[in-house]
Amino acid sequence: MKTLVWVEHDGSAVKDATLSAVTAAAKLGEVHLLVVGQGVDGVAAAAAKIAGVGKVHVADDAAFAHALAENVAPLVAELMGHHDAFVAPSTTNGKNIAPRVAALLDVMQISDILSVESEDIFTRPIYAGNAIATVQTSDAKKVLTVRGTAFEKAAAEGGSGTIEAVASTGDAGADRGLSTFTGSEIAKNERPELTSAKIIVSGGRALGSGEKFHELIDPLADKLGAGVGASRAAVDAGYAPNDYQVGQTGKIVAPEVYVAVGISGAIQHLAGMKDSKTIIAINKDEDAPIFQVADIGLVGDLFKLVPELTEKL
């Protein structure tokens, strides 16, 4: 069985989400990668070194410079003539491309898989992770997205995959009037990216304002060398930007340490962080749901406790 894996990259380096997807794909059989972009020779070379990779397909074309799903999906669908499954990490790009590929192939997508039981049986979370469904597909071609926190990362070195150029399918988005790239606003953050951070400090609505959020959370995160996250309530209130959001409708994370400050623990938030190795919760409400999953709980006034904790670190 041949599996084609979408390589998530930033134009210069392969992202960690790809490594988890490779591990999942390896359970299905032979692993091939797809690197799409413009001027991505370096990415392709790095992808070929990933352990367990047999071949790297490279589509280098101006039409793929911004990885528009409308352009990428037809290319993937064409390559699926020689592959049995398409695997993408559950990232923004992966979740944008995979459904279009499934539609072009006329198959059902299986989203956010947690394990590969066999070539056609997978598990995935439902009801915000409170139940795990075992799903069997009868489709000849499989389209899967992978929850990165559920699979170990493949080794980034040690592989010796061959690199093969593939022909571009052109700018389908513009040609069909579907989409064109007009611009982007990239958030720059010197702290670790949430999905790869080993420590995350997240703030909730209880912080009361954007000023207090940054006044309390940022120094603690800096002391710990941590990424900064937020609950949906904090993001909706404008305390933190959207890319900070952790939860069912945000980013799924599983760091070594997750510090939840002023987060009550709504089910949607827990779905995004409950796989963290150690969870530390600070909240004045001793009955807050967050304490049900926390390994360490500190009940008290966060406006006093957090500065004290930061000072002692």
C-alpha atoms as a PDB file:
ATOM      1  CA  MET A   1       0.000   0.000   0.000  1.00  0.00           C
ATOM      2  CA  LYS A   2       1.419   3.390  -1.022  1.00  0.00           C
ATOM      3  CA  THR A   3       0.602   6.468   1.032  1.00  0.00           C
ATOM      4  CA  LEU A   4       1.105  10.079  -0.057  1.00  0.00           C
ATOM      5  CA  VAL A   5       1.805  12.505   2.802  1.00  0.00           C
ATOM      6  CA  TRP A   6       1.311  16.259   2.527  1.00  0.00           C
ATOM      7  CA  VAL A   7       4.469  18.011   3.779  1.00  0.00           C
ATOM      8  CA  GLU A   8       3.685  21.006   5.968  1.00  0.00           C
ATOM      9  CA  HIS A   9       6.512  23.558   5.691  1.00  0.00           C
ATOM     10  CA  ASP A  10       7.247  27.260   5.929  1.00  0.00           C
ATOM     11  CA  GLY A  11       9.184  27.514   2.697  1.00  0.00           C
ATOM     12  CA  SER A  12      12.510  26.660   4.294  1.00  0.00           C
ATOM     13  CA  ALA A  13      11.953  23.886   6.859  1.00  0.00           C
ATOM     14  CA  VAL A  14       9.650  20.918   7.399  1.00  0.00           C
ATOM     15  CA  LYS A  15       7.234  21.427  10.293  1.00  0.00           C
ATOM     16  CA  ASP A  16       6.889  18.934  13.123  1.00  0.00           C
ATOM     17  CA  ALA A  17       3.283  18.147  12.180  1.00  0.00           C
ATOM     18  CA  THR A  18       4.629  16.378   9.081  1.00  0.00           C
ATOM     19  CA  LEU A  19       6.734  14.021  11.191  1.00  0.00           C
ATOM     20  CA  SER A  20       3.671  12.789  13.094  1.00  0.00           C
ATOM     21  CA  ALA A  21       1.818  12.285   9.814  1.00  0.00           C
ATOM     22  CA  VAL A  22       4.742  10.204   8.486  1.00  0.00           C
ATOM     23  CA  THR A  23       4.536   7.937  11.540  1.00  0.00           C
ATOM     24  CA  ALA A  24       0.820   7.397  10.904  1.00  0.00           C
ATOM     25  CA  ALA A  25       1.372   6.784   7.186  1.00  0.00           C
ATOM     26  CA  ALA A  26       4.114   4.244   7.884  1.00  0.00           C
ATOM     27  CA  LYS A  27       1.518   2.044   9.582  1.00  0.00           C
ATOM     28  CA  LEU A  28      -0.269   1.801   6.221  1.00  0.00           C
ATOM     29  CA  GLY A  29       2.736   0.843   4.119  1.00  0.00           C
ATOM     30  CA  GLU A  30       5.212   2.585   1.820  1.00  0.00           C
ATOM     31  CA  VAL A  31       5.519   6.310   2.526  1.00  0.00           C
ATOM     32  CA  HIS A  32       5.838   8.933  -0.211  1.00  0.00           C
ATOM     33  CA  LEU A  33       5.893  12.664   0.527  1.00  0.00           C
ATOM     34  CA  LEU A  34       4.545  15.597  -1.450  1.00  0.00           C
ATOM     35  CA  VAL A  35       6.387  18.912  -1.231  1.00  0.00           C
ATOM     36  CA  VAL A  36       4.530  21.777  -2.887  1.00  0.00           C
ATOM     37  CA  GLY A  37       5.656  25.381  -3.228  1.00  0.00           C
ATOM     38  CA  GLN A  38       7.998  27.708  -5.081  1.00  0.00           C
ATOM     39  CA  GLY A  39      11.748  27.420  -4.581  1.00  0.00           C
ATOM     40  CA  VAL A  40      11.416  24.439  -2.253  1.00  0.00           C
ATOM     41  CA  ASP A  41      14.565  22.475  -3.100  1.00  0.00           C
ATOM     42  CA  GLY A  42      15.798  22.828   0.462  1.00  0.00           C
ATOM     43  CA  VAL A  43      12.505  21.572   1.886  1.00  0.00           C
ATOM     44  CA  ALA A  44      12.546  18.589  -0.471  1.00  0.00           C
ATOM     45  CA  ALA A  45      16.103  17.708   0.561  1.00  0.00           C
ATOM     46  CA  ALA A  46      15.133  17.868   4.246  1.00  0.00           C
ATOM     47  CA  ALA A  47      11.994  15.811   3.599  1.00  0.00           C
ATOM     48  CA  ALA A  48      14.030  13.103   1.890  1.00  0.00           C
ATOM     49  CA  LYS A  49      16.059  12.664   5.095  1.00  0.00           C
ATOM     50  CA  ILE A  50      13.010  11.810   7.215  1.00  0.00           C
ATOM     51  CA  ALA A  51      13.268   8.236   8.443  1.00  0.00           C
ATOM     52  CA  GLY A  52      11.067   5.760   6.608  1.00  0.00           C
ATOM     53  CA  VAL A  53      10.432   7.870   3.511  1.00  0.00           C
ATOM     54  CA  GLY A  54      10.782   6.108   0.170  1.00  0.00           C
ATOM     55  CA  LYS A  55      10.156   8.925  -2.289  1.00  0.00           C
ATOM     56  CA  VAL A  56       9.588  12.685  -2.265  1.00  0.00           C
ATOM     57  CA  HIS A  57       7.405  14.162  -5.012  1.00  0.00           C
ATOM     58  CA  VAL A  58       8.211  17.829  -5.587  1.00  0.00           C
ATOM     59  CA  ALA A  59       5.878  20.271  -7.344  1.00  0.00           C
ATOM     60  CA  ASP A  60       7.795  23.530  -7.687  1.00  0.00           C
ATOM     61  CA  ASP A  61       5.691  26.159  -9.417  1.00  0.00           C
ATOM     62  CA  ALA A  62       4.541  29.749  -8.904  1.00  0.00           C
ATOM     63  CA  ALA A  63       0.945  28.462  -8.714  1.00  0.00           C
ATOM     64  CA  PHE A  64       1.878  26.688  -5.467  1.00  0.00           C
ATOM     65  CA  ALA A  65       3.764  29.582  -3.876  1.00  0.00           C
ATOM     66  CA  HIS A  66       1.045  30.127  -1.266  1.00  0.00           C
ATOM     67  CA  ALA A  67      -0.291  26.564  -1.099  1.00  0.00           C
ATOM     68  CA  LEU A  68      -3.815  27.550  -2.118  1.00  0.00           C
ATOM     69  CA  ALA A  69      -6.003  24.505  -1.605  1.00  0.00           C
ATOM     70  CA  GLU A  70      -7.784  25.054  -4.914  1.00  0.00           C
ATOM     71  CA  ASN A  71      -4.459  24.588  -6.692  1.00  0.00           C
ATOM     72  CA  VAL A  72      -3.013  21.820  -4.548  1.00  0.00           C
ATOM     73  CA  ALA A  73      -6.064  19.518  -4.445  1.00  0.00           C
ATOM     74  CA  PRO A  74      -6.134  18.745  -8.213  1.00  0.00           C
ATOM     75  CA  LEU A  75      -2.423  17.892  -8.087  1.00  0.00           C
ATOM     76  CA  VAL A  76      -2.961  15.508  -5.158  1.00  0.00           C
ATOM     77  CA  ALA A  77      -5.973  13.928  -6.868  1.00  0.00           C
ATOM     78  CA  GLU A  78      -3.839  13.297  -9.959  1.00  0.00           C
ATOM     79  CA  LEU A  79      -1.039  11.703  -7.916  1.00  0.00           C
ATOM     80  CA  MET A  80      -3.572   9.508  -6.139  1.00  0.00           C
ATOM     81  CA  GLY A  81      -3.759   7.461  -9.317  1.00  0.00           C
ATOM     82  CA  HIS A  82      -0.550   5.824  -8.073  1.00  0.00           C
ATOM     83  CA  HIS A  83      -1.261   5.916  -4.330  1.00  0.00           C
ATOM     84  CA  ASP A  84      -3.776   4.223  -2.059  1.00  0.00           C
ATOM     85  CA  ALA A  85      -4.064   6.838   0.679  1.00  0.00           C
ATOM     86  CA  PHE A  86      -3.545  10.562   1.177  1.00  0.00           C
ATOM     87  CA  VAL A  87      -2.477  11.633   4.656  1.00  0.00           C
ATOM     88  CA  ALA A  88      -2.298  15.226   5.877  1.00  0.00           C
ATOM     89  CA  PRO A  89      -1.616  16.612   9.345  1.00  0.00           C
ATOM     90  CA  SER A  90      -4.603  18.276  11.033  1.00  0.00           C
ATOM     91  CA  THR A  91      -3.190  21.751  10.477  1.00  0.00           C
ATOM     92  CA  THR A  92      -4.940  24.711   8.889  1.00  0.00           C
ATOM     93  CA  ASN A  93      -3.525  23.796   5.473  1.00  0.00           C
ATOM     94  CA  GLY A  94      -4.072  20.076   5.897  1.00  0.00           C
ATOM     95  CA  LYS A  95      -7.713  20.538   6.880  1.00  0.00           C
ATOM     96  CA  ASN A  96      -8.187  22.893   3.943  1.00  0.00           C
ATOM     97  CA  ILE A  97      -6.704  20.588   1.309  1.00  0.00           C
ATOM     98  CA  ALA A  98      -7.867  17.106   2.395  1.00  0.00           C
ATOM     99  CA  PRO A  99     -11.646  17.668   2.011  1.00  0.00           C
ATOM    100  CA  ARG A 100     -11.139  18.968  -1.518  1.00  0.00           C
ATOM    101  CA  VAL A 101      -9.056  15.932  -2.388  1.00  0.00           C
ATOM    102  CA  ALA A 102     -11.757  13.649  -0.969  1.00  0.00           C
ATOM    103  CA  ALA A 103     -14.399  15.429  -3.042  1.00  0.00           C
ATOM    104  CA  LEU A 104     -12.352  15.093  -6.242  1.00  0.00           C
ATOM    105  CA  LEU A 105     -11.846  11.383  -5.537  1.00  0.00           C
ATOM    106  CA  ASP A 106     -15.500  10.953  -4.478  1.00  0.00           C
ATOM    107  CA  VAL A 107     -14.568   9.280  -1.189  1.00  0.00           C
ATOM    108  CA  MET A 108     -15.297   9.938   2.481  1.00  0.00           C
ATOM    109  CA  GLN A 109     -12.575  11.681   4.464  1.00  0.00           C
ATOM    110  CA  ILE A 110     -11.694  10.319   7.911  1.00  0.00           C
ATOM    111  CA  SER A 111     -10.654  13.260  10.062  1.00  0.00           C
ATOM    112  CA  ASP A 112      -8.292  13.658  12.990  1.00  0.00           C
ATOM    113  CA  ILE A 113      -7.323  10.003  13.348  1.00  0.00           C
ATOM    114  CA  LEU A 114      -5.767   8.858  16.626  1.00  0.00           C
ATOM    115  CA  SER A 115      -4.583   5.416  15.542  1.00  0.00           C
ATOM    116  CA  VAL A 116      -4.276   3.089  12.556  1.00  0.00           C
ATOM    117  CA  GLU A 117      -5.793  -0.285  13.415  1.00  0.00           C
ATOM    118  CA  SER A 118      -5.439  -1.746   9.917  1.00  0.00           C
ATOM    119  CA  GLU A 119      -5.406  -0.600   6.288  1.00  0.00           C
ATOM    120  CA  ASP A 120      -9.091   0.346   6.486  1.00  0.00           C
ATOM    121  CA  ILE A 121      -9.827   0.756  10.217  1.00  0.00           C
ATOM    122  CA  PHE A 122      -8.979   3.882  12.207  1.00  0.00           C
ATOM    123  CA  THR A 123      -9.943   5.569  15.473  1.00  0.00           C
ATOM    124  CA  ARG A 124     -10.927   9.202  15.831  1.00  0.00           C
ATOM    125  CA  PRO A 125     -12.357  11.411  18.607  1.00  0.00           C
ATOM    126  CA  ILE A 126     -16.017  12.434  18.727  1.00  0.00           C
ATOM    127  CA  TYR A 127     -18.043  14.530  21.203  1.00  0.00           C
ATOM    128  CA  ALA A 128     -15.048  16.799  21.906  1.00  0.00           C
ATOM    129  CA  GLY A 129     -12.866  13.803  22.659  1.00  0.00           C
ATOM    130  CA  ASN A 130     -15.187  12.264  25.243  1.00  0.00           C
ATOM    131  CA  ALA A 131     -15.670   9.197  23.056  1.00  0.00           C
ATOM    132  CA  ILE A 132     -13.411   7.451  20.573  1.00  0.00           C
ATOM    133  CA  ALA A 133     -15.028   6.085  17.415  1.00  0.00           C
ATOM    134  CA  THR A 134     -13.609   3.140  15.492  1.00  0.00           C
ATOM    135  CA  VAL A 135     -14.251   3.755  11.803  1.00  0.00           C
ATOM    136  CA  GLN A 136     -13.943   1.311   8.917  1.00  0.00           C
ATOM    137  CA  THR A 137     -13.917   2.568   5.350  1.00  0.00           C
ATOM    138  CA  SER A 138     -14.804   0.665   2.199  1.00  0.00           C
ATOM    139  CA  ASP A 139     -13.320   3.320  -0.117  1.00  0.00           C
ATOM    140  CA  ALA A 140     -10.501   2.122  -2.352  1.00  0.00           C
ATOM    141  CA  LYS A 141      -8.699   5.435  -1.867  1.00  0.00           C
ATOM    142  CA  LYS A 142      -8.299   6.745   1.685  1.00  0.00           C
ATOM    143  CA  VAL A 143      -8.129  10.416   2.657  1.00  0.00           C
ATOM    144  CA  LEU A 144      -7.029  10.979   6.244  1.00  0.00           C
ATOM    145  CA  THR A 145      -6.043  13.848   8.509  1.00  0.00           C
ATOM    146  CA  VAL A 146      -3.850  13.036  11.491  1.00  0.00           C
ATOM    147  CA  ARG A 147      -3.974  14.458  15.004  1.00  0.00           C
ATOM    148  CA  GLY A 148      -0.299  15.172  15.576  1.00  0.00           C
ATOM    149  CA  THR A 149      -0.391  14.704  19.341  1.00  0.00           C
ATOM    150  CA  ALA A 150      -1.540  11.072  18.927  1.00  0.00           C
ATOM    151  CA  PHE A 151       1.562   9.873  17.042  1.00  0.00           C
ATOM    152  CA  GLU A 152       5.254   9.984  17.833  1.00  0.00           C
ATOM    153  CA  LYS A 153       7.308  12.161  15.508  1.00  0.00           C
ATOM    154  CA  ALA A 154       9.341  10.317  12.906  1.00  0.00           C
ATOM    155  CA  ALA A 155      13.089  10.947  13.046  1.00  0.00           C
ATOM    156  CA  ALA A 156      13.996  13.974  10.939  1.00  0.00           C
ATOM    157  CA  GLU A 157      17.332  12.410  10.016  1.00  0.00           C
ATOM    158  CA  GLY A 158      18.402   8.992   8.845  1.00  0.00           C
ATOM    159  CA  GLY A 159      16.239   8.568   5.753  1.00  0.00           C
ATOM    160  CA  SER A 160      17.387   8.392   2.158  1.00  0.00           C
ATOM    161  CA  GLY A 161      14.316   8.983   0.030  1.00  0.00           C
ATOM    162  CA  THR A 162      14.619   9.699  -3.672  1.00  0.00           C
ATOM    163  CA  ILE A 163      13.429  13.060  -5.004  1.00  0.00           C
ATOM    164  CA  GLU A 164      11.203  13.167  -8.060  1.00  0.00           C
ATOM    165  CA  ALA A 165       9.807  16.271  -9.768  1.00  0.00           C
ATOM    166  CA  VAL A 166       6.128  16.204 -10.738  1.00  0.00           C
ATOM    167  CA  ALA A 167       4.402  18.390 -13.306  1.00  0.00           C
ATOM    168  CA  SER A 168       2.266  21.250 -12.081  1.00  0.00           C
ATOM    169  CA  THR A 169      -1.470  21.180 -12.642  1.00  0.00           C
ATOM    170  CA  GLY A 170      -1.434  24.967 -13.003  1.00  0.00           C
ATOM    171  CA  ASP A 171      -3.284  27.770 -11.272  1.00  0.00           C
ATOM    172  CA  ALA A 172      -6.678  26.071 -11.101  1.00  0.00           C
ATOM    173  CA  GLY A 173      -8.018  28.586  -8.590  1.00  0.00           C
ATOM    174  CA  ALA A 174      -7.459  31.599 -10.824  1.00  0.00           C
ATOM    175  CA  ASP A 175      -8.298  29.789 -14.071  1.00  0.00           C
ATOM    176  CA  ARG A 176     -11.700  28.748 -12.755  1.00  0.00           C
ATOM    177  CA  GLY A 177     -12.337  31.946 -10.854  1.00  0.00           C
ATOM    178  CA  LEU A 178     -12.226  30.108  -7.525  1.00  0.00           C
ATOM    179  CA  SER A 179      -9.512  31.940  -5.657  1.00  0.00           C
ATOM    180  CA  THR A 180      -6.466  34.167  -6.006  1.00  0.00           C
ATOM    181  CA  PHE A 181      -3.857  35.139  -3.449  1.00  0.00           C
ATOM    182  CA  THR A 182      -4.187  38.796  -2.471  1.00  0.00           C
ATOM    183  CA  GLY A 183      -1.999  39.088   0.614  1.00  0.00           C
ATOM    184  CA  SER A 184      -1.205  37.744   4.057  1.00  0.00           C
ATOM    185  CA  GLU A 185      -0.572  39.043   7.551  1.00  0.00           C
ATOM    186  CA  ILE A 186       1.838  36.712   9.303  1.00  0.00           C
ATOM    187  CA  ALA A 187       1.933  36.885  13.084  1.00  0.00           C
ATOM    188  CA  LYS A 188       5.544  37.006  14.265  1.00  0.00           C
ATOM    189  CA  ASN A 189       6.225  35.354  17.601  1.00  0.00           C
ATOM    190  CA  GLU A 190       9.613  34.860  19.203  1.00  0.00           C
ATOM    191  CA  ARG A 191       8.177  32.264  21.580  1.00  0.00           C
ATOM    192  CA  PRO A 192       7.856  28.564  20.661  1.00  0.00           C
ATOM    193  CA  GLU A 193       4.989  27.689  18.308  1.00  0.00           C
ATOM    194  CA  LEU A 194       2.141  26.096  20.257  1.00  0.00           C
ATOM    195  CA  THR A 195       1.965  22.754  18.475  1.00  0.00           C
ATOM    196  CA  SER A 196       5.701  22.130  19.018  1.00  0.00           C
ATOM    197  CA  ALA A 197       6.263  23.864  22.396  1.00  0.00           C
ATOM    198  CA  LYS A 198       7.369  21.661  25.304  1.00  0.00           C
ATOM    199  CA  ILE A 199       5.850  24.070  27.836  1.00  0.00           C
ATOM    200  CA  ILE A 200       2.719  26.178  27.349  1.00  0.00           C
ATOM    201  CA  VAL A 201       1.246  28.842  29.616  1.00  0.00           C
ATOM    202  CA  SER A 202      -2.386  29.615  28.786  1.00  0.00           C
ATOM    203  CA  GLY A 203      -4.636  32.355  30.130  1.00  0.00           C
ATOM    204  CA  GLY A 204      -8.404  32.484  30.422  1.00  0.00           C
ATOM    205  CA  ARG A 205     -11.211  34.996  30.726  1.00  0.00           C
ATOM    206  CA  ALA A 206     -10.597  35.387  34.477  1.00  0.00           C
ATOM    207  CA  LEU A 207      -7.583  37.589  33.685  1.00  0.00           C
ATOM    208  CA  GLY A 208     -10.089  40.343  32.959  1.00  0.00           C
ATOM    209  CA  SER A 209      -8.346  42.286  30.193  1.00  0.00           C
ATOM    210  CA  GLY A 210      -5.763  42.102  27.462  1.00  0.00           C
ATOM    211  CA  GLU A 211      -3.419  44.238  29.572  1.00  0.00           C
ATOM    212  CA  LYS A 212      -3.608  41.865  32.532  1.00  0.00           C
ATOM    213  CA  PHE A 213      -3.269  38.863  30.212  1.00  0.00           C
ATOM    214  CA  HIS A 214       0.077  40.043  28.900  1.00  0.00           C
ATOM    215  CA  GLU A 215       1.169  41.523  32.232  1.00  0.00           C
ATOM    216  CA  LEU A 216       0.783  38.162  34.018  1.00  0.00           C
ATOM    217  CA  ILE A 217       1.125  35.462  31.352  1.00  0.00           C
ATOM    218  CA  ASP A 218       4.037  36.795  29.289  1.00  0.00           C
ATOM    219  CA  PRO A 219       6.616  37.089  32.130  1.00  0.00           C
ATOM    220  CA  LEU A 220       5.764  33.585  33.377  1.00  0.00           C
ATOM    221  CA  ALA A 221       6.072  32.173  29.862  1.00  0.00           C
ATOM    222  CA  ASP A 222       9.391  33.976  29.368  1.00  0.00           C
ATOM    223  CA  LYS A 223      10.784  32.525  32.596  1.00  0.00           C
ATOM    224  CA  LEU A 224       9.770  29.014  31.502  1.00  0.00           C
ATOM    225  CA  GLY A 225      10.755  29.409  27.856  1.00  0.00           C
ATOM    226  CA  ALA A 226       7.151  28.545  27.056  1.00  0.00           C
ATOM    227  CA  GLY A 227       4.648  29.165  24.299  1.00  0.00           C
ATOM    228  CA  VAL A 228       1.619  31.305  25.146  1.00  0.00           C
ATOM    229  CA  GLY A 229      -1.916  29.999  24.685  1.00  0.00           C
ATOM    230  CA  ALA A 230      -5.407  31.144  25.537  1.00  0.00           C
ATOM    231  CA  SER A 231      -8.887  29.803  25.995  1.00  0.00           C
ATOM    232  CA  ARG A 232     -11.560  30.597  23.430  1.00  0.00           C
ATOM    233  CA  ALA A 233     -13.258  32.896  25.948  1.00  0.00           C
ATOM    234  CA  ALA A 234     -10.051  34.934  26.303  1.00  0.00           C
ATOM    235  CA  VAL A 235      -9.627  35.140  22.528  1.00  0.00           C
ATOM    236  CA  ASP A 236     -13.268  36.091  21.976  1.00  0.00           C
ATOM    237  CA  ALA A 237     -12.898  38.818  24.603  1.00  0.00           C
ATOM    238  CA  GLY A 238      -9.936  40.227  22.705  1.00  0.00           C
ATOM    239  CA  TYR A 239      -7.314  39.460  25.345  1.00  0.00           C
ATOM    240  CA  ALA A 240      -5.206  37.411  22.916  1.00  0.00           C
ATOM    241  CA  PRO A 241      -4.989  36.872  19.134  1.00  0.00           C
ATOM    242  CA  ASN A 242      -6.677  33.930  17.395  1.00  0.00           C
ATOM    243  CA  ASP A 243      -3.441  32.013  16.855  1.00  0.00           C
ATOM    244  CA  TYR A 244      -3.104  31.660  20.654  1.00  0.00           C
ATOM    245  CA  GLN A 245      -6.341  29.676  20.963  1.00  0.00           C
ATOM    246  CA  VAL A 246      -6.098  26.167  22.375  1.00  0.00           C
ATOM    247  CA  GLY A 247      -9.069  23.827  22.173  1.00  0.00           C
ATOM    248  CA  GLN A 248     -11.473  22.011  19.919  1.00  0.00           C
ATOM    249  CA  THR A 249     -11.802  25.023  17.613  1.00  0.00           C
ATOM    250  CA  GLY A 250      -8.185  26.114  18.137  1.00  0.00           C
ATOM    251  CA  LYS A 251      -4.920  24.199  18.326  1.00  0.00           C
ATOM    252  CA  ILE A 252      -4.573  20.693  19.708  1.00  0.00           C
ATOM    253  CA  VAL A 253      -1.489  20.542  21.911  1.00  0.00           C
ATOM    254  CA  ALA A 254       0.261  17.972  24.095  1.00  0.00           C
ATOM    255  CA  PRO A 255       3.304  19.620  25.699  1.00  0.00           C
ATOM    256  CA  GLU A 256       5.383  18.241  28.559  1.00  0.00           C
ATOM    257  CA  VAL A 257       3.878  20.903  30.849  1.00  0.00           C
ATOM    258  CA  TYR A 258       0.634  22.852  30.388  1.00  0.00           C
ATOM    259  CA  VAL A 259      -0.086  25.710  32.805  1.00  0.00           C
ATOM    260  CA  ALA A 260      -3.738  26.851  32.792  1.00  0.00           C
ATOM    261  CA  VAL A 261      -4.201  30.249  34.439  1.00  0.00           C
ATOM    262  CA  GLY A 262      -7.745  31.421  35.110  1.00  0.00           C
ATOM    263  CA  ILE A 263      -9.220  28.774  32.801  1.00  0.00           C
ATOM    264  CA  SER A 264     -12.348  27.053  34.101  1.00  0.00           C
ATOM    265  CA  GLY A 265     -11.929  24.021  31.841  1.00  0.00           C
ATOM    266  CA  ALA A 266     -14.824  24.000  29.400  1.00  0.00           C
ATOM    267  CA  ILE A 267     -15.063  20.712  27.502  1.00  0.00           C
ATOM    268  CA  GLN A 268     -13.968  22.384  24.259  1.00  0.00           C
ATOM    269  CA  HIS A 269     -10.755  23.614  25.876  1.00  0.00           C
ATOM    270  CA  LEU A 270     -10.015  20.297  27.549  1.00  0.00           C
ATOM    271  CA  ALA A 271     -10.303  18.575  24.163  1.00  0.00           C
ATOM    272  CA  GLY A 272      -7.301  20.583  22.992  1.00  0.00           C
ATOM    273  CA  MET A 273      -4.898  20.050  25.896  1.00  0.00           C
ATOM    274  CA  LYS A 274      -5.875  17.080  28.056  1.00  0.00           C
ATOM    275  CA  ASP A 275      -3.158  14.890  26.489  1.00  0.00           C
ATOM    276  CA  SER A 276      -0.474  17.131  28.009  1.00  0.00           C
ATOM    277  CA  LYS A 277       2.008  15.172  30.140  1.00  0.00           C
ATOM    278  CA  THR A 278       1.637  17.404  33.221  1.00  0.00           C
ATOM    279  CA  ILE A 279      -1.220  19.862  33.694  1.00  0.00           C
ATOM    280  CA  ILE A 280      -0.958  22.654  36.264  1.00  0.00           C
ATOM    281  CA  ALA A 281      -4.103  24.677  36.994  1.00  0.00           C
ATOM    282  CA  ILE A 282      -4.415  27.986  38.854  1.00  0.00           C
ATOM    283  CA  ASN A 283      -7.991  29.040  39.596  1.00  0.00           C
ATOM    284  CA  LYS A 284      -9.882  30.565  42.527  1.00  0.00           C
ATOM    285  CA  ASP A 285     -12.845  28.187  42.023  1.00  0.00           C
ATOM    286  CA  GLU A 286     -11.941  24.860  43.595  1.00  0.00           C
ATOM    287  CA  ASP A 287     -14.860  23.231  41.753  1.00  0.00           C
ATOM    288  CA  ALA A 288     -13.671  24.342  38.295  1.00  0.00           C
ATOM    289  CA  PRO A 289     -13.666  21.436  35.788  1.00  0.00           C
ATOM    290  CA  ILE A 290     -10.000  22.090  34.987  1.00  0.00           C
ATOM    291  CA  PHE A 291      -9.047  20.508  38.332  1.00  0.00           C
ATOM    292  CA  GLN A 292     -10.540  17.186  37.201  1.00  0.00           C
ATOM    293  CA  VAL A 293      -7.760  16.780  34.633  1.00  0.00           C
ATOM    294  CA  ALA A 294      -5.001  18.718  36.427  1.00  0.00           C
ATOM    295  CA  ASP A 295      -2.036  16.894  37.908  1.00  0.00           C
ATOM    296  CA  ILE A 296      -1.281  19.900  40.126  1.00  0.00           C
ATOM    297  CA  GLY A 297      -3.972  22.343  41.232  1.00  0.00           C
ATOM    298  CA  LEU A 298      -3.483  25.683  42.967  1.00  0.00           C
ATOM    299  CA  VAL A 299      -6.631  27.300  44.355  1.00  0.00           C
ATOM    300  CA  GLY A 300      -6.358  31.025  44.933  1.00  0.00           C
ATOM    301  CA  ASP A 301      -6.223  34.518  43.483  1.00  0.00           C
ATOM    302  CA  LEU A 302      -4.276  34.314  40.236  1.00  0.00           C
ATOM    303  CA  PHE A 303      -3.433  38.027  40.445  1.00  0.00           C
ATOM    304  CA  LYS A 304      -1.332  37.230  43.536  1.00  0.00           C
ATOM    305  CA  LEU A 305      -0.229  33.691  42.793  1.00  0.00           C
ATOM    306  CA  VAL A 306       1.080  34.164  39.262  1.00  0.00           C
ATOM    307  CA  PRO A 307       3.417  37.088  40.087  1.00  0.00           C
ATOM    308  CA  GLU A 308       4.697  35.141  43.124  1.00  0.00           C
ATOM    309  CA  LEU A 309       5.329  32.076  40.982  1.00  0.00           C
ATOM    310  CA  THR A 310       7.076  34.129  38.320  1.00  0.00           C
ATOM    311  CA  GLU A 311       9.277  35.803  40.937  1.00  0.00           C
ATOM    312  CA  LYS A 312      10.376  32.492  42.437  1.00  0.00           C
ATOM    313  CA  LEU A 313      11.319  30.901  39.115  1.00  0.00           C
END
